[in-house]
Amino acid sequence: MKENKLADMPIDFAVEIIELVKFLKANHETIISNQIGRSGTSIGANIHEAQYAQGKKDFISKLEIALKEASETGYWLELLHKTNYIDTLYFKQISEKCTSLRVILIASIRTAKSKL
C-alpha cells in the first residue's frame, strides 16, 4: 500500500504538537502553548477537510489554509526556541517536520492549481 504523506504526516505532527503543549502547560506556559496547539493541529484538520472539498478551488483553498497554519506553527516553534522553552536539538527536529509539511503542501497546491 502506498504511503500517503499528505494524510499521515500531519497526524503524526499533531500528536507531537499535543505532547509539546502538555510539556509547556506543565511548565506554566499558556500563551504560546494555546496558539501552537491550535495552529499545529489545524494543519491536519484542514488537509482532512480538503479531501471532501466541493471542487478544485475549495480543495486548493483548504490546502492554502493548512499551509498558513504550518507557517504560523513554524513561527511559534521559533519563538519557543528563542525563549528557551525548547532546546536547539528538539527545535531542529520538530521544525524540520513542520518545514517538510510546508514543502508537501506547496507542491500539492501547485499541482492542483496546474490542473485548474
PDB file of N, CA and C in Angstrom:
ATOM      1  N   MET A   1       0.841  -1.189   0.000  1.00  0.00           N
ATOM      2  CA  MET A   1       0.000   0.000   0.000  1.00  0.00           C
ATOM      3  C   MET A   1       0.881   1.246   0.000  1.00  0.00           C
ATOM      4  N   LYS A   2       0.561   2.170  -0.864  1.00  0.00           N
ATOM      5  CA  LYS A   2       1.344   3.402  -0.989  1.00  0.00           C
ATOM      6  C   LYS A   2       1.090   4.321   0.211  1.00  0.00           C
ATOM      7  N   GLU A   3       2.161   4.846   0.765  1.00  0.00           N
ATOM      8  CA  GLU A   3       2.063   5.775   1.888  1.00  0.00           C
ATOM      9  C   GLU A   3       1.554   7.123   1.383  1.00  0.00           C
ATOM     10  N   ASN A   4       0.609   7.684   2.099  1.00  0.00           N
ATOM     11  CA  ASN A   4       0.075   8.995   1.740  1.00  0.00           C
ATOM     12  C   ASN A   4       0.628  10.010   2.723  1.00  0.00           C
ATOM     13  N   LYS A   5       1.725  10.666   2.341  1.00  0.00           N
ATOM     14  CA  LYS A   5       2.385  11.620   3.235  1.00  0.00           C
ATOM     15  C   LYS A   5       1.479  12.778   3.611  1.00  0.00           C
ATOM     16  N   LEU A   6       0.649  13.214   2.686  1.00  0.00           N
ATOM     17  CA  LEU A   6      -0.221  14.351   2.958  1.00  0.00           C
ATOM     18  C   LEU A   6      -1.294  14.009   3.995  1.00  0.00           C
ATOM     19  N   ALA A   7      -1.584  12.739   4.170  1.00  0.00           N
ATOM     20  CA  ALA A   7      -2.552  12.329   5.193  1.00  0.00           C
ATOM     21  C   ALA A   7      -1.859  11.924   6.488  1.00  0.00           C
ATOM     22  N   ASP A   8      -0.743  11.221   6.379  1.00  0.00           N
ATOM     23  CA  ASP A   8      -0.087  10.657   7.562  1.00  0.00           C
ATOM     24  C   ASP A   8       0.776  11.647   8.336  1.00  0.00           C
ATOM     25  N   MET A   9       1.551  12.455   7.642  1.00  0.00           N
ATOM     26  CA  MET A   9       2.474  13.383   8.315  1.00  0.00           C
ATOM     27  C   MET A   9       1.774  14.379   9.241  1.00  0.00           C
ATOM     28  N   PRO A  10       0.650  14.973   8.811  1.00  0.00           N
ATOM     29  CA  PRO A  10       0.011  15.953   9.702  1.00  0.00           C
ATOM     30  C   PRO A  10      -0.511  15.341  11.004  1.00  0.00           C
ATOM     31  N   ILE A  11      -0.959  14.103  10.957  1.00  0.00           N
ATOM     32  CA  ILE A  11      -1.441  13.451  12.177  1.00  0.00           C
ATOM     33  C   ILE A  11      -0.280  13.207  13.123  1.00  0.00           C
ATOM     34  N   ASP A  12       0.812  12.676  12.604  1.00  0.00           N
ATOM     35  CA  ASP A  12       1.995  12.447  13.441  1.00  0.00           C
ATOM     36  C   ASP A  12       2.507  13.764  14.018  1.00  0.00           C
ATOM     37  N   PHE A  13       2.487  14.807  13.204  1.00  0.00           N
ATOM     38  CA  PHE A  13       2.939  16.121  13.654  1.00  0.00           C
ATOM     39  C   PHE A  13       2.010  16.661  14.741  1.00  0.00           C
ATOM     40  N   ALA A  14       0.706  16.500  14.553  1.00  0.00           N
ATOM     41  CA  ALA A  14      -0.268  16.973  15.544  1.00  0.00           C
ATOM     42  C   ALA A  14      -0.069  16.264  16.885  1.00  0.00           C
ATOM     43  N   VAL A  15       0.218  14.982  16.848  1.00  0.00           N
ATOM     44  CA  VAL A  15       0.485  14.239  18.086  1.00  0.00           C
ATOM     45  C   VAL A  15       1.698  14.832  18.791  1.00  0.00           C
ATOM     46  N   GLU A  16       2.723  15.139  18.029  1.00  0.00           N
ATOM     47  CA  GLU A  16       3.919  15.748  18.600  1.00  0.00           C
ATOM     48  C   GLU A  16       3.626  17.134  19.182  1.00  0.00           C
ATOM     49  N   ILE A  17       2.795  17.888  18.502  1.00  0.00           N
ATOM     50  CA  ILE A  17       2.406  19.218  18.991  1.00  0.00           C
ATOM     51  C   ILE A  17       1.614  19.085  20.297  1.00  0.00           C
ATOM     52  N   ILE A  18       0.733  18.126  20.364  1.00  0.00           N
ATOM     53  CA  ILE A  18      -0.051  17.913  21.591  1.00  0.00           C
ATOM     54  C   ILE A  18       0.875  17.569  22.755  1.00  0.00           C
ATOM     55  N   GLU A  19       1.877  16.745  22.494  1.00  0.00           N
ATOM     56  CA  GLU A  19       2.851  16.413  23.546  1.00  0.00           C
ATOM     57  C   GLU A  19       3.637  17.661  23.971  1.00  0.00           C
ATOM     58  N   LEU A  20       3.982  18.495  23.011  1.00  0.00           N
ATOM     59  CA  LEU A  20       4.679  19.744  23.312  1.00  0.00           C
ATOM     60  C   LEU A  20       3.795  20.656  24.161  1.00  0.00           C
ATOM     61  N   VAL A  21       2.521  20.751  23.819  1.00  0.00           N
ATOM     62  CA  VAL A  21       1.587  21.582  24.585  1.00  0.00           C
ATOM     63  C   VAL A  21       1.489  21.077  26.018  1.00  0.00           C
ATOM     64  N   LYS A  22       1.423  19.767  26.203  1.00  0.00           N
ATOM     65  CA  LYS A  22       1.387  19.200  27.563  1.00  0.00           C
ATOM     66  C   LYS A  22       2.628  19.621  28.351  1.00  0.00           C
ATOM     67  N   PHE A  23       3.786  19.547  27.706  1.00  0.00           N
ATOM     68  CA  PHE A  23       5.043  19.945  28.343  1.00  0.00           C
ATOM     69  C   PHE A  23       5.018  21.428  28.711  1.00  0.00           C
ATOM     70  N   LEU A  24       4.565  22.257  27.779  1.00  0.00           N
ATOM     71  CA  LEU A  24       4.529  23.706  28.020  1.00  0.00           C
ATOM     72  C   LEU A  24       3.584  24.050  29.160  1.00  0.00           C
ATOM     73  N   LYS A  25       2.435  23.436  29.178  1.00  0.00           N
ATOM     74  CA  LYS A  25       1.463  23.726  30.240  1.00  0.00           C
ATOM     75  C   LYS A  25       1.970  23.246  31.590  1.00  0.00           C
ATOM     76  N   ALA A  26       2.702  22.131  31.595  1.00  0.00           N
ATOM     77  CA  ALA A  26       3.300  21.648  32.840  1.00  0.00           C
ATOM     78  C   ALA A  26       4.348  22.628  33.361  1.00  0.00           C
ATOM     79  N   ASN A  27       4.913  23.408  32.439  1.00  0.00           N
ATOM     80  CA  ASN A  27       5.892  24.434  32.803  1.00  0.00           C
ATOM     81  C   ASN A  27       5.263  25.828  32.869  1.00  0.00           C
ATOM     82  N   HIS A  28       3.957  25.857  32.995  1.00  0.00           N
ATOM     83  CA  HIS A  28       3.182  27.086  33.208  1.00  0.00           C
ATOM     84  C   HIS A  28       3.298  28.098  32.074  1.00  0.00           C
ATOM     85  N   GLU A  29       3.472  27.622  30.851  1.00  0.00           N
ATOM     86  CA  GLU A  29       3.477  28.496  29.682  1.00  0.00           C
ATOM     87  C   GLU A  29       2.139  28.267  28.981  1.00  0.00           C
ATOM     88  N   THR A  30       1.271  29.270  29.017  1.00  0.00           N
ATOM     89  CA  THR A  30      -0.062  29.079  28.437  1.00  0.00           C
ATOM     90  C   THR A  30      -0.309  29.878  27.165  1.00  0.00           C
ATOM     91  N   ILE A  31       0.318  31.015  27.010  1.00  0.00           N
ATOM     92  CA  ILE A  31       0.035  31.864  25.852  1.00  0.00           C
ATOM     93  C   ILE A  31       0.459  31.172  24.554  1.00  0.00           C
ATOM     94  N   ILE A  32       1.713  30.829  24.456  1.00  0.00           N
ATOM     95  CA  ILE A  32       2.214  30.195  23.230  1.00  0.00           C
ATOM     96  C   ILE A  32       1.659  28.783  23.096  1.00  0.00           C
ATOM     97  N   SER A  33       1.509  28.071  24.212  1.00  0.00           N
ATOM     98  CA  SER A  33       1.008  26.695  24.122  1.00  0.00           C
ATOM     99  C   SER A  33      -0.390  26.658  23.509  1.00  0.00           C
ATOM    100  N   ASN A  34      -1.228  27.618  23.858  1.00  0.00           N
ATOM    101  CA  ASN A  34      -2.569  27.663  23.261  1.00  0.00           C
ATOM    102  C   ASN A  34      -2.496  27.955  21.768  1.00  0.00           C
ATOM    103  N   GLN A  35      -1.627  28.883  21.393  1.00  0.00           N
ATOM    104  CA  GLN A  35      -1.503  29.262  19.979  1.00  0.00           C
ATOM    105  C   GLN A  35      -0.940  28.113  19.134  1.00  0.00           C
ATOM    106  N   ILE A  36       0.145  27.509  19.602  1.00  0.00           N
ATOM    107  CA  ILE A  36       0.762  26.437  18.813  1.00  0.00           C
ATOM    108  C   ILE A  36      -0.118  25.195  18.814  1.00  0.00           C
ATOM    109  N   GLY A  37      -0.879  25.008  19.876  1.00  0.00           N
ATOM    110  CA  GLY A  37      -1.819  23.889  19.908  1.00  0.00           C
ATOM    111  C   GLY A  37      -2.874  24.030  18.825  1.00  0.00           C
ATOM    112  N   ARG A  38      -3.379  25.233  18.654  1.00  0.00           N
ATOM    113  CA  ARG A  38      -4.386  25.478  17.624  1.00  0.00           C
ATOM    114  C   ARG A  38      -3.800  25.344  16.214  1.00  0.00           C
ATOM    115  N   SER A  39      -2.711  26.068  15.972  1.00  0.00           N
ATOM    116  CA  SER A  39      -2.166  26.076  14.606  1.00  0.00           C
ATOM    117  C   SER A  39      -1.573  24.723  14.217  1.00  0.00           C
ATOM    118  N   GLY A  40      -0.880  24.078  15.153  1.00  0.00           N
ATOM    119  CA  GLY A  40      -0.213  22.810  14.838  1.00  0.00           C
ATOM    120  C   GLY A  40      -1.159  21.658  14.576  1.00  0.00           C
ATOM    121  N   THR A  41      -2.328  21.677  15.234  1.00  0.00           N
ATOM    122  CA  THR A  41      -3.301  20.607  14.992  1.00  0.00           C
ATOM    123  C   THR A  41      -4.244  20.954  13.847  1.00  0.00           C
ATOM    124  N   SER A  42      -4.342  22.230  13.527  1.00  0.00           N
ATOM    125  CA  SER A  42      -5.215  22.682  12.450  1.00  0.00           C
ATOM    126  C   SER A  42      -4.696  22.284  11.074  1.00  0.00           C
ATOM    127  N   ILE A  43      -3.403  22.086  10.961  1.00  0.00           N
ATOM    128  CA  ILE A  43      -2.813  21.705   9.666  1.00  0.00           C
ATOM    129  C   ILE A  43      -3.496  20.448   9.137  1.00  0.00           C
ATOM    130  N   GLY A  44      -3.475  19.411   9.940  1.00  0.00           N
ATOM    131  CA  GLY A  44      -4.073  18.135   9.534  1.00  0.00           C
ATOM    132  C   GLY A  44      -5.573  18.216   9.354  1.00  0.00           C
ATOM    133  N   ALA A  45      -6.233  19.013  10.200  1.00  0.00           N
ATOM    134  CA  ALA A  45      -7.688  19.153  10.090  1.00  0.00           C
ATOM    135  C   ALA A  45      -8.069  19.763   8.741  1.00  0.00           C
ATOM    136  N   ASN A  46      -7.319  20.766   8.303  1.00  0.00           N
ATOM    137  CA  ASN A  46      -7.605  21.389   7.011  1.00  0.00           C
ATOM    138  C   ASN A  46      -7.276  20.466   5.846  1.00  0.00           C
ATOM    139  N   ILE A  47      -6.220  19.697   5.972  1.00  0.00           N
ATOM    140  CA  ILE A  47      -5.882  18.723   4.924  1.00  0.00           C
ATOM    141  C   ILE A  47      -6.981  17.665   4.836  1.00  0.00           C
ATOM    142  N   HIS A  48      -7.447  17.206   5.985  1.00  0.00           N
ATOM    143  CA  HIS A  48      -8.520  16.216   6.017  1.00  0.00           C
ATOM    144  C   HIS A  48      -9.790  16.792   5.389  1.00  0.00           C
ATOM    145  N   GLU A  49     -10.093  18.032   5.727  1.00  0.00           N
ATOM    146  CA  GLU A  49     -11.270  18.696   5.174  1.00  0.00           C
ATOM    147  C   GLU A  49     -11.152  18.848   3.656  1.00  0.00           C
ATOM    148  N   ALA A  50      -9.942  19.047   3.168  1.00  0.00           N
ATOM    149  CA  ALA A  50      -9.731  19.199   1.720  1.00  0.00           C
ATOM    150  C   ALA A  50     -10.129  17.939   0.955  1.00  0.00           C
ATOM    151  N   GLN A  51     -10.038  16.792   1.599  1.00  0.00           N
ATOM    152  CA  GLN A  51     -10.403  15.534   0.942  1.00  0.00           C
ATOM    153  C   GLN A  51     -11.881  15.510   0.553  1.00  0.00           C
ATOM    154  N   TYR A  52     -12.678  16.336   1.221  1.00  0.00           N
ATOM    155  CA  TYR A  52     -14.116  16.384   0.953  1.00  0.00           C
ATOM    156  C   TYR A  52     -14.526  17.748   0.396  1.00  0.00           C
ATOM    157  N   ALA A  53     -13.624  18.358  -0.317  1.00  0.00           N
ATOM    158  CA  ALA A  53     -13.853  19.688  -0.887  1.00  0.00           C
ATOM    159  C   ALA A  53     -14.965  19.642  -1.925  1.00  0.00           C
ATOM    160  N   GLN A  54     -15.582  20.799  -2.141  1.00  0.00           N
ATOM    161  CA  GLN A  54     -16.673  20.924  -3.097  1.00  0.00           C
ATOM    162  C   GLN A  54     -16.146  21.381  -4.456  1.00  0.00           C
ATOM    163  N   GLY A  55     -15.052  20.853  -4.848  1.00  0.00           N
ATOM    164  CA  GLY A  55     -14.452  21.219  -6.128  1.00  0.00           C
ATOM    165  C   GLY A  55     -12.985  21.562  -5.955  1.00  0.00           C
ATOM    166  N   LYS A  56     -12.338  21.781  -7.076  1.00  0.00           N
ATOM    167  CA  LYS A  56     -10.892  22.028  -7.102  1.00  0.00           C
ATOM    168  C   LYS A  56     -10.502  23.305  -6.359  1.00  0.00           C
ATOM    169  N   LYS A  57     -11.283  24.384  -6.536  1.00  0.00           N
ATOM    170  CA  LYS A  57     -10.954  25.652  -5.872  1.00  0.00           C
ATOM    171  C   LYS A  57     -11.075  25.524  -4.356  1.00  0.00           C
ATOM    172  N   ASP A  58     -12.087  24.825  -3.888  1.00  0.00           N
ATOM    173  CA  ASP A  58     -12.264  24.605  -2.452  1.00  0.00           C
ATOM    174  C   ASP A  58     -11.119  23.751  -1.910  1.00  0.00           C
ATOM    175  N   PHE A  59     -10.718  22.734  -2.681  1.00  0.00           N
ATOM    176  CA  PHE A  59      -9.597  21.874  -2.306  1.00  0.00           C
ATOM    177  C   PHE A  59      -8.325  22.702  -2.130  1.00  0.00           C
ATOM    178  N   ILE A  60      -8.050  23.555  -3.091  1.00  0.00           N
ATOM    179  CA  ILE A  60      -6.862  24.418  -3.044  1.00  0.00           C
ATOM    180  C   ILE A  60      -6.942  25.358  -1.852  1.00  0.00           C
ATOM    181  N   SER A  61      -8.102  25.920  -1.629  1.00  0.00           N
ATOM    182  CA  SER A  61      -8.291  26.845  -0.509  1.00  0.00           C
ATOM    183  C   SER A  61      -7.980  26.174   0.830  1.00  0.00           C
ATOM    184  N   LYS A  62      -8.463  24.958   1.020  1.00  0.00           N
ATOM    185  CA  LYS A  62      -8.204  24.224   2.270  1.00  0.00           C
ATOM    186  C   LYS A  62      -6.705  23.944   2.442  1.00  0.00           C
ATOM    187  N   LEU A  63      -6.043  23.571   1.356  1.00  0.00           N
ATOM    188  CA  LEU A  63      -4.601  23.319   1.435  1.00  0.00           C
ATOM    189  C   LEU A  63      -3.835  24.606   1.716  1.00  0.00           C
ATOM    190  N   GLU A  64      -4.297  25.714   1.153  1.00  0.00           N
ATOM    191  CA  GLU A  64      -3.648  27.004   1.423  1.00  0.00           C
ATOM    192  C   GLU A  64      -3.820  27.419   2.886  1.00  0.00           C
ATOM    193  N   ILE A  65      -4.980  27.126   3.452  1.00  0.00           N
ATOM    194  CA  ILE A  65      -5.188  27.399   4.883  1.00  0.00           C
ATOM    195  C   ILE A  65      -4.246  26.535   5.711  1.00  0.00           C
ATOM    196  N   ALA A  66      -4.111  25.261   5.349  1.00  0.00           N
ATOM    197  CA  ALA A  66      -3.189  24.360   6.048  1.00  0.00           C
ATOM    198  C   ALA A  66      -1.761  24.890   5.972  1.00  0.00           C
ATOM    199  N   LEU A  67      -1.384  25.412   4.814  1.00  0.00           N
ATOM    200  CA  LEU A  67      -0.050  25.982   4.631  1.00  0.00           C
ATOM    201  C   LEU A  67       0.153  27.187   5.547  1.00  0.00           C
ATOM    202  N   LYS A  68      -0.846  28.047   5.639  1.00  0.00           N
ATOM    203  CA  LYS A  68      -0.755  29.205   6.541  1.00  0.00           C
ATOM    204  C   LYS A  68      -0.607  28.755   7.992  1.00  0.00           C
ATOM    205  N   GLU A  69      -1.346  27.729   8.374  1.00  0.00           N
ATOM    206  CA  GLU A  69      -1.259  27.211   9.746  1.00  0.00           C
ATOM    207  C   GLU A  69       0.133  26.611  10.013  1.00  0.00           C
ATOM    208  N   ALA A  70       0.692  25.946   9.013  1.00  0.00           N
ATOM    209  CA  ALA A  70       2.041  25.384   9.155  1.00  0.00           C
ATOM    210  C   ALA A  70       3.066  26.500   9.298  1.00  0.00           C
ATOM    211  N   SER A  71       2.879  27.567   8.551  1.00  0.00           N
ATOM    212  CA  SER A  71       3.776  28.713   8.657  1.00  0.00           C
ATOM    213  C   SER A  71       3.683  29.344  10.048  1.00  0.00           C
ATOM    214  N   GLU A  72       2.469  29.505  10.543  1.00  0.00           N
ATOM    215  CA  GLU A  72       2.279  30.055  11.882  1.00  0.00           C
ATOM    216  C   GLU A  72       2.913  29.151  12.940  1.00  0.00           C
ATOM    217  N   THR A  73       2.748  27.862  12.780  1.00  0.00           N
ATOM    218  CA  THR A  73       3.339  26.912  13.728  1.00  0.00           C
ATOM    219  C   THR A  73       4.852  27.049  13.744  1.00  0.00           C
ATOM    220  N   GLY A  74       5.455  27.227  12.572  1.00  0.00           N
ATOM    221  CA  GLY A  74       6.895  27.447  12.493  1.00  0.00           C
ATOM    222  C   GLY A  74       7.324  28.675  13.280  1.00  0.00           C
ATOM    223  N   TYR A  75       6.514  29.724  13.204  1.00  0.00           N
ATOM    224  CA  TYR A  75       6.793  30.948  13.963  1.00  0.00           C
ATOM    225  C   TYR A  75       6.776  30.660  15.468  1.00  0.00           C
ATOM    226  N   TRP A  76       5.746  29.964  15.949  1.00  0.00           N
ATOM    227  CA  TRP A  76       5.647  29.666  17.388  1.00  0.00           C
ATOM    228  C   TRP A  76       6.801  28.780  17.845  1.00  0.00           C
ATOM    229  N   LEU A  77       7.210  27.844  16.998  1.00  0.00           N
ATOM    230  CA  LEU A  77       8.354  26.991  17.353  1.00  0.00           C
ATOM    231  C   LEU A  77       9.619  27.827  17.513  1.00  0.00           C
ATOM    232  N   GLU A  78       9.821  28.748  16.577  1.00  0.00           N
ATOM    233  CA  GLU A  78      10.994  29.617  16.656  1.00  0.00           C
ATOM    234  C   GLU A  78      10.959  30.469  17.926  1.00  0.00           C
ATOM    235  N   LEU A  79       9.793  30.981  18.262  1.00  0.00           N
ATOM    236  CA  LEU A  79       9.651  31.784  19.471  1.00  0.00           C
ATOM    237  C   LEU A  79       9.908  30.949  20.734  1.00  0.00           C
ATOM    238  N   LEU A  80       9.415  29.721  20.740  1.00  0.00           N
ATOM    239  CA  LEU A  80       9.665  28.831  21.886  1.00  0.00           C
ATOM    240  C   LEU A  80      11.159  28.551  22.045  1.00  0.00           C
ATOM    241  N   HIS A  81      11.841  28.419  20.919  1.00  0.00           N
ATOM    242  CA  HIS A  81      13.284  28.179  20.962  1.00  0.00           C
ATOM    243  C   HIS A  81      14.019  29.411  21.465  1.00  0.00           C
ATOM    244  N   LYS A  82      13.657  30.559  20.949  1.00  0.00           N
ATOM    245  CA  LYS A  82      14.351  31.804  21.340  1.00  0.00           C
ATOM    246  C   LYS A  82      14.081  32.207  22.787  1.00  0.00           C
ATOM    247  N   THR A  83      12.995  31.688  23.360  1.00  0.00           N
ATOM    248  CA  THR A  83      12.689  31.981  24.768  1.00  0.00           C
ATOM    249  C   THR A  83      13.093  30.825  25.682  1.00  0.00           C
ATOM    250  N   ASN A  84      13.829  29.875  25.120  1.00  0.00           N
ATOM    251  CA  ASN A  84      14.402  28.747  25.865  1.00  0.00           C
ATOM    252  C   ASN A  84      13.380  27.784  26.466  1.00  0.00           C
ATOM    253  N   TYR A  85      12.184  27.726  25.884  1.00  0.00           N
ATOM    254  CA  TYR A  85      11.232  26.701  26.312  1.00  0.00           C
ATOM    255  C   TYR A  85      11.575  25.356  25.688  1.00  0.00           C
ATOM    256  N   ILE A  86      12.173  25.389  24.483  1.00  0.00           N
ATOM    257  CA  ILE A  86      12.634  24.153  23.854  1.00  0.00           C
ATOM    258  C   ILE A  86      14.095  24.323  23.470  1.00  0.00           C
ATOM    259  N   ASP A  87      14.841  23.228  23.572  1.00  0.00           N
ATOM    260  CA  ASP A  87      16.271  23.308  23.268  1.00  0.00           C
ATOM    261  C   ASP A  87      16.512  23.212  21.758  1.00  0.00           C
ATOM    262  N   THR A  88      17.738  23.477  21.365  1.00  0.00           N
ATOM    263  CA  THR A  88      18.102  23.539  19.952  1.00  0.00           C
ATOM    264  C   THR A  88      17.870  22.217  19.232  1.00  0.00           C
ATOM    265  N   LEU A  89      18.234  21.118  19.858  1.00  0.00           N
ATOM    266  CA  LEU A  89      18.073  19.809  19.215  1.00  0.00           C
ATOM    267  C   LEU A  89      16.598  19.520  18.928  1.00  0.00           C
ATOM    268  N   TYR A  90      15.745  19.721  19.919  1.00  0.00           N
ATOM    269  CA  TYR A  90      14.315  19.481  19.729  1.00  0.00           C
ATOM    270  C   TYR A  90      13.736  20.463  18.708  1.00  0.00           C
ATOM    271  N   PHE A  91      14.144  21.723  18.789  1.00  0.00           N
ATOM    272  CA  PHE A  91      13.676  22.727  17.837  1.00  0.00           C
ATOM    273  C   PHE A  91      14.002  22.304  16.409  1.00  0.00           C
ATOM    274  N   LYS A  92      15.235  21.885  16.167  1.00  0.00           N
ATOM    275  CA  LYS A  92      15.631  21.483  14.813  1.00  0.00           C
ATOM    276  C   LYS A  92      14.809  20.297  14.330  1.00  0.00           C
ATOM    277  N   GLN A  93      14.575  19.339  15.226  1.00  0.00           N
ATOM    278  CA  GLN A  93      13.840  18.132  14.867  1.00  0.00           C
ATOM    279  C   GLN A  93      12.389  18.456  14.497  1.00  0.00           C
ATOM    280  N   ILE A  94      11.692  19.176  15.362  1.00  0.00           N
ATOM    281  CA  ILE A  94      10.277  19.453  15.114  1.00  0.00           C
ATOM    282  C   ILE A  94      10.100  20.505  14.020  1.00  0.00           C
ATOM    283  N   SER A  95      11.006  21.442  13.932  1.00  0.00           N
ATOM    284  CA  SER A  95      10.949  22.459  12.887  1.00  0.00           C
ATOM    285  C   SER A  95      11.142  21.830  11.507  1.00  0.00           C
ATOM    286  N   GLU A  96      11.998  20.827  11.421  1.00  0.00           N
ATOM    287  CA  GLU A  96      12.216  20.116  10.157  1.00  0.00           C
ATOM    288  C   GLU A  96      10.930  19.419   9.708  1.00  0.00           C
ATOM    289  N   LYS A  97      10.200  18.851  10.651  1.00  0.00           N
ATOM    290  CA  LYS A  97       8.930  18.199  10.313  1.00  0.00           C
ATOM    291  C   LYS A  97       7.917  19.228   9.815  1.00  0.00           C
ATOM    292  N   CYS A  98       7.900  20.369  10.450  1.00  0.00           N
ATOM    293  CA  CYS A  98       6.998  21.444  10.046  1.00  0.00           C
ATOM    294  C   CYS A  98       7.363  21.935   8.641  1.00  0.00           C
ATOM    295  N   THR A  99       8.630  22.086   8.369  1.00  0.00           N
ATOM    296  CA  THR A  99       9.094  22.505   7.048  1.00  0.00           C
ATOM    297  C   THR A  99       8.735  21.468   5.994  1.00  0.00           C
ATOM    298  N   SER A 100       8.873  20.198   6.327  1.00  0.00           N
ATOM    299  CA  SER A 100       8.510  19.131   5.386  1.00  0.00           C
ATOM    300  C   SER A 100       7.027  19.194   5.026  1.00  0.00           C
ATOM    301  N   LEU A 101       6.198  19.481   6.018  1.00  0.00           N
ATOM    302  CA  LEU A 101       4.770  19.640   5.752  1.00  0.00           C
ATOM    303  C   LEU A 101       4.522  20.808   4.790  1.00  0.00           C
ATOM    304  N   ARG A 102       5.218  21.911   5.028  1.00  0.00           N
ATOM    305  CA  ARG A 102       5.050  23.073   4.147  1.00  0.00           C
ATOM    306  C   ARG A 102       5.471  22.737   2.713  1.00  0.00           C
ATOM    307  N   VAL A 103       6.571  22.033   2.559  1.00  0.00           N
ATOM    308  CA  VAL A 103       7.062  21.669   1.225  1.00  0.00           C
ATOM    309  C   VAL A 103       6.038  20.794   0.499  1.00  0.00           C
ATOM    310  N   ILE A 104       5.489  19.819   1.196  1.00  0.00           N
ATOM    311  CA  ILE A 104       4.489  18.935   0.588  1.00  0.00           C
ATOM    312  C   ILE A 104       3.226  19.707   0.236  1.00  0.00           C
ATOM    313  N   LEU A 105       2.821  20.605   1.120  1.00  0.00           N
ATOM    314  CA  LEU A 105       1.630  21.411   0.844  1.00  0.00           C
ATOM    315  C   LEU A 105       1.844  22.322  -0.365  1.00  0.00           C
ATOM    316  N   ILE A 106       2.993  22.961  -0.435  1.00  0.00           N
ATOM    317  CA  ILE A 106       3.291  23.840  -1.577  1.00  0.00           C
ATOM    318  C   ILE A 106       3.245  23.045  -2.880  1.00  0.00           C
ATOM    319  N   ALA A 107       3.851  21.865  -2.878  1.00  0.00           N
ATOM    320  CA  ALA A 107       3.852  21.032  -4.080  1.00  0.00           C
ATOM    321  C   ALA A 107       2.435  20.598  -4.452  1.00  0.00           C
ATOM    322  N   SER A 108       1.650  20.239  -3.460  1.00  0.00           N
ATOM    323  CA  SER A 108       0.274  19.798  -3.712  1.00  0.00           C
ATOM    324  C   SER A 108      -0.580  20.945  -4.252  1.00  0.00           C
ATOM    325  N   ILE A 109      -0.395  22.133  -3.691  1.00  0.00           N
ATOM    326  CA  ILE A 109      -1.139  23.309  -4.160  1.00  0.00           C
ATOM    327  C   ILE A 109      -0.758  23.626  -5.601  1.00  0.00           C
ATOM    328  N   ARG A 110       0.529  23.596  -5.903  1.00  0.00           N
ATOM    329  CA  ARG A 110       0.976  23.881  -7.276  1.00  0.00           C
ATOM    330  C   ARG A 110       0.397  22.867  -8.265  1.00  0.00           C
ATOM    331  N   THR A 111       0.417  21.596  -7.867  1.00  0.00           N
ATOM    332  CA  THR A 111      -0.127  20.556  -8.733  1.00  0.00           C
ATOM    333  C   THR A 111      -1.614  20.777  -8.969  1.00  0.00           C
ATOM    334  N   ALA A 112      -2.338  21.060  -7.890  1.00  0.00           N
ATOM    335  CA  ALA A 112      -3.792  21.269  -8.017  1.00  0.00           C
ATOM    336  C   ALA A 112      -4.099  22.504  -8.876  1.00  0.00           C
ATOM    337  N   LYS A 113      -3.330  23.550  -8.699  1.00  0.00           N
ATOM    338  CA  LYS A 113      -3.546  24.776  -9.487  1.00  0.00           C
ATOM    339  C   LYS A 113      -3.245  24.535 -10.969  1.00  0.00           C
ATOM    340  N   SER A 114      -2.270  23.711 -11.246  1.00  0.00           N
ATOM    341  CA  SER A 114      -1.918  23.438 -12.642  1.00  0.00           C
ATOM    342  C   SER A 114      -3.014  22.640 -13.353  1.00  0.00           C
ATOM    343  N   LYS A 115      -3.875  21.985 -12.574  1.00  0.00           N
ATOM    344  CA  LYS A 115      -4.959  21.179 -13.147  1.00  0.00           C
ATOM    345  C   LYS A 115      -6.285  21.942 -13.208  1.00  0.00           C
ATOM    346  N   LEU A 116      -6.263  23.213 -12.824  1.00  0.00           N
ATOM    347  CA  LEU A 116      -7.495  24.018 -12.888  1.00  0.00           C
ATOM    348  C   LEU A 116      -7.885  24.320 -14.327  1.00  0.00           C
TER     349      LEU A 116
END
